Protein backbone atom coordinates (compact mmCIF):
# COMPACT_ATOMS: atom_id res chain seq x y z
CA MET A 1 13.00 -2.25 8.10
CA LEU A 2 15.34 -2.12 5.83
CA GLN A 3 13.59 1.19 5.67
CA PRO A 4 10.44 0.76 3.63
CA ALA A 5 9.53 -2.43 5.41
CA SER A 6 9.71 -0.90 8.85
CA VAL A 7 6.62 0.97 8.37
CA ARG A 8 4.46 -1.73 6.67
CA SER A 9 0.85 -2.30 8.10
CA LEU A 10 -0.99 -3.58 11.14
CA ILE A 11 -3.91 -5.91 11.61
CA GLY A 12 -5.73 -8.65 13.66
CA THR A 13 -9.05 -10.55 13.99
CA LEU A 14 -11.39 -9.04 16.58
CA ALA A 15 -13.37 -12.22 17.14
CA LEU A 16 -10.32 -14.45 17.50
CA LEU A 17 -8.39 -11.93 19.57
CA LEU A 18 -10.68 -12.35 22.53
CA VAL A 19 -10.19 -16.10 22.80
CA PHE A 20 -6.64 -16.06 24.11
CA GLY A 21 -7.36 -15.98 27.84
CA THR A 22 -7.66 -12.24 28.44
CA SER A 23 -9.84 -10.91 31.23
CA PRO A 24 -13.21 -9.36 30.24
CA ALA A 25 -11.87 -5.86 31.00
CA SER A 26 -8.76 -6.21 28.85
CA ALA A 27 -10.80 -7.93 26.12
CA ASP A 28 -13.15 -4.95 25.98
CA ALA A 29 -10.21 -2.53 25.89
CA LEU A 30 -8.59 -4.49 23.05
CA LYS A 31 -11.79 -4.57 21.04
CA ASP A 32 -12.29 -0.84 21.54
CA ALA A 33 -8.69 -0.03 20.61
CA LEU A 34 -8.74 -2.09 17.43
CA ALA A 35 -12.14 -0.83 16.33
CA ARG A 36 -11.14 2.80 16.82
CA LEU A 37 -7.78 2.30 15.11
CA GLN A 38 -9.45 0.69 12.10
CA ALA A 39 -12.12 3.39 11.96
CA ARG A 40 -9.51 6.16 12.03
CA TYR A 41 -7.61 4.75 9.09
CA GLU A 42 -10.75 4.01 7.11
CA THR A 43 -11.56 7.72 7.35
CA THR A 44 -8.00 8.87 6.65
CA ARG A 45 -7.27 10.00 3.10
CA THR A 46 -3.77 11.40 3.63
CA ILE A 47 -1.16 11.55 6.40
CA SER A 48 2.04 13.57 6.62
CA ALA A 49 4.40 13.83 9.58
CA ASP A 50 7.96 14.15 10.80
CA PHE A 51 9.58 10.92 11.94
CA ARG A 52 12.50 9.65 13.95
CA GLN A 53 13.73 6.13 13.31
CA SER A 54 16.00 3.85 15.30
CA ILE A 55 17.20 0.40 14.18
CA GLU A 56 18.66 -2.03 16.72
CA SER A 57 20.11 -5.38 15.69
CA PRO A 58 22.26 -8.11 17.23
CA THR A 59 24.72 -7.38 14.41
CA LEU A 60 24.98 -3.64 15.17
CA ALA A 61 27.29 -2.24 17.85
CA THR A 62 25.04 0.81 18.30
CA PRO A 63 21.54 1.70 17.05
CA LEU A 64 21.21 3.38 13.67
CA GLN A 65 19.45 6.73 14.08
CA SER A 66 17.75 8.71 11.34
CA LYS A 67 14.99 11.27 10.86
CA GLY A 68 12.99 12.90 8.14
CA THR A 69 9.50 13.44 6.79
CA MET A 70 6.86 11.02 5.54
CA ALA A 71 3.61 11.22 3.58
CA PHE A 72 0.92 8.74 2.58
CA GLU A 73 -2.04 9.09 0.28
CA LYS A 74 -4.57 6.34 -0.26
CA PRO A 75 -4.72 3.95 -1.83
CA ASN A 76 -0.98 3.26 -2.02
CA ARG A 77 1.16 6.35 -2.56
CA MET A 78 3.97 7.05 -0.12
CA ARG A 79 7.07 9.10 0.44
CA TRP A 80 9.83 8.74 3.07
CA GLU A 81 12.56 11.39 2.92
CA TYR A 82 15.58 10.75 5.17
CA GLU A 83 17.81 13.66 6.13
CA ALA A 84 21.61 13.89 6.25
CA PRO A 85 24.02 12.43 7.24
CA ASP A 86 22.51 9.42 5.43
CA PRO A 87 20.07 10.92 2.93
CA GLN A 88 17.67 8.57 1.22
CA LEU A 89 14.37 8.95 -0.60
CA ILE A 90 11.67 6.28 -0.83
CA VAL A 91 8.78 7.02 -3.20
CA GLY A 92 5.80 4.88 -4.16
CA ASP A 93 3.60 6.23 -6.95
CA GLY A 94 0.94 3.54 -6.72
CA GLU A 95 2.64 1.13 -9.09
CA THR A 96 6.40 1.49 -8.67
CA LEU A 97 8.58 1.78 -5.58
CA TRP A 98 11.78 3.83 -5.84
CA ILE A 99 14.59 3.86 -3.27
CA TYR A 100 17.01 6.64 -4.18
CA GLN A 101 20.43 6.72 -2.51
CA PRO A 102 22.06 9.97 -3.70
CA GLU A 103 25.47 9.33 -2.15
CA ASP A 104 25.71 6.05 -4.09
CA LYS A 105 24.22 7.64 -7.23
CA GLN A 106 21.83 4.68 -7.35
CA ALA A 107 18.06 4.20 -7.47
CA ILE A 108 16.42 0.86 -6.76
CA LYS A 109 13.23 0.26 -8.76
CA ALA A 110 10.63 -2.45 -8.06
CA PRO A 111 6.89 -3.08 -8.51
CA LEU A 112 5.12 -1.67 -5.45
CA GLY A 113 2.74 -4.61 -5.17
CA GLU A 114 5.58 -7.09 -4.86
CA MET A 115 7.43 -5.03 -2.26
CA PHE A 116 4.39 -4.46 -0.06
CA GLN A 117 1.77 -7.18 0.00
CA THR A 118 -1.65 -6.52 1.54
CA THR A 119 -0.92 -8.57 4.64
CA THR A 120 2.38 -6.90 5.54
CA PRO A 121 3.04 -4.02 8.01
CA VAL A 122 3.11 -0.75 5.62
CA SER A 123 -0.10 -1.78 3.83
CA PHE A 124 -2.30 -0.64 6.70
CA LEU A 125 -0.87 2.87 6.59
CA ALA A 126 -1.20 2.78 2.81
CA GLY A 127 -4.87 1.86 3.11
CA LEU A 128 -4.51 -1.71 1.82
CA GLY A 129 -5.02 -3.77 4.97
CA HIS A 130 -7.68 -4.59 7.52
CA ILE A 131 -7.01 -5.26 11.20
CA ASP A 132 -9.49 -8.08 11.76
CA ARG A 133 -8.35 -9.96 8.67
CA ASP A 134 -4.56 -9.90 8.60
CA PHE A 135 -3.27 -9.83 12.20
CA ASN A 136 -3.62 -11.54 15.56
CA ALA A 137 -3.56 -8.86 18.24
CA THR A 138 -3.10 -8.58 21.98
CA LEU A 139 -3.19 -5.62 24.35
CA ASP A 140 0.24 -5.23 25.95
CA ARG A 141 -0.76 -2.28 28.13
CA ASP A 142 -3.88 -0.22 28.80
CA GLU A 143 -2.48 3.11 30.02
CA ALA A 144 -4.38 6.21 31.08
CA GLU A 145 -3.91 7.98 27.74
CA ARG A 146 -2.58 5.27 25.41
CA TRP A 147 -3.03 1.68 24.32
CA VAL A 148 0.00 -0.46 23.49
CA LEU A 149 -1.01 -3.10 20.93
CA ARG A 150 0.97 -6.11 19.70
CA LEU A 151 0.09 -7.31 16.20
CA VAL A 152 1.38 -10.53 14.61
CA PRO A 153 0.69 -11.24 10.91
CA LYS A 154 -1.43 -14.34 10.46
CA LYS A 155 0.26 -15.49 7.28
CA GLU A 156 3.64 -13.86 6.72
CA LYS A 157 5.35 -14.86 9.97
CA SER A 158 8.79 -13.85 8.70
CA ILE A 159 7.74 -10.20 8.89
CA GLY A 160 7.81 -10.40 12.67
CA THR A 161 5.85 -8.51 15.32
CA LEU A 162 4.44 -5.00 15.16
CA VAL A 163 3.89 -3.00 18.37
CA LEU A 164 1.80 0.19 18.14
CA VAL A 165 1.42 2.94 20.72
CA VAL A 166 -2.04 4.40 20.06
CA ARG A 167 -3.49 7.58 21.54
CA LYS A 168 -6.88 7.10 23.19
CA SER A 169 -7.88 10.69 22.41
CA ASP A 170 -8.04 10.22 18.64
CA ALA A 171 -6.67 6.69 17.87
CA GLY A 172 -3.59 8.18 16.24
CA VAL A 173 -0.34 6.20 16.26
CA ASP A 174 2.47 7.85 18.26
CA GLU A 175 5.01 5.08 17.81
CA ALA A 176 5.49 1.84 15.87
CA ARG A 177 8.06 -0.89 16.52
CA VAL A 178 8.69 -3.78 14.14
CA THR A 179 10.81 -6.75 15.27
CA ASP A 180 11.70 -9.21 12.52
CA SER A 181 12.58 -12.89 12.72
CA LEU A 182 16.31 -12.06 12.97
CA GLY A 183 15.83 -9.92 16.06
CA THR A 184 16.18 -6.55 14.35
CA THR A 185 13.87 -3.92 15.83
CA THR A 186 12.91 -0.77 13.95
CA ARG A 187 11.34 1.98 16.07
CA LEU A 188 9.45 4.79 14.38
CA VAL A 189 8.16 7.83 16.29
CA LEU A 190 5.88 10.33 14.52
CA SER A 191 5.32 14.00 15.34
CA GLY A 192 3.62 16.98 13.75
CA GLU A 193 1.02 14.77 12.09
CA LYS A 194 -1.33 16.33 9.54
CA ARG A 195 -4.33 14.27 8.48
CA ASN A 196 -6.63 14.61 5.46
CA VAL A 197 -4.87 17.62 3.98
CA ASP A 198 -4.24 17.98 0.26
CA LEU A 199 -0.77 16.77 -0.70
CA ASP A 200 1.17 17.85 -3.77
CA PRO A 201 1.01 15.01 -6.34
CA LYS A 202 4.69 15.66 -7.08
CA LEU A 203 5.55 14.15 -3.69
CA PHE A 204 4.72 10.72 -5.08
CA ARG A 205 6.65 10.97 -8.35
CA PHE A 206 10.30 10.22 -8.90
CA THR A 207 12.54 10.61 -11.91
CA PRO A 208 16.16 9.47 -11.50
CA PRO A 209 18.57 12.40 -11.86
CA PRO A 210 21.11 12.29 -14.69
CA GLY A 211 24.00 9.96 -13.98
CA VAL A 212 22.08 7.80 -11.47
CA ASP A 213 22.13 4.02 -12.03
CA VAL A 214 18.72 2.29 -11.86
CA VAL A 215 18.93 -1.24 -10.45
CA LYS A 216 16.65 -4.02 -9.23
CA PRO A 217 16.49 -4.95 -5.53
CA PRO A 218 19.28 -7.36 -4.47
CA THR A 219 16.77 -10.17 -3.82
CA TYR A 220 14.51 -9.37 -6.77
């Protein structure tokens, strides 16, 4: 990720997906999986859940582990709250993205639209993307109770590859893995998901506490 980016969106072209030499059975399974995944998110207004995150990189001796809670509300509001020992808060209010690092007494502020473009992997969860427009997809595995999908952005190749573990029962996402061009893999596992419940608008607002420095992203 660097955290916000690890969750960014999913997507692939149904017509073009079936051209890449898959058997008729796997092609049908892929089409079904993508159609049901898209339909679920088109009918999803809000999502909240607990998450566990693991980041593995060639430059890290051991994986970085973290956990917390997340919430999304369409069209593009989000909140990721990381627990101790490395607390961090990521809030998107629809226009601005905040990344608050309390131990550093610092808050990074950036325009949400420039941090998350519509063809990148969080935009699907935020309700900004469309599978058959933005991603090329393949079916890695067709298991008894789950599909494992591999999604590659058509345009922004530097983002890397997104792998989704999708429940057949309701097309919900159990796990997402993003591997970027540098070989860093971010694994996100969700639990306790609540869908289409009313969320407190305060979740998606952030005001820097007194004494906190507000800065632009390092590459901004």
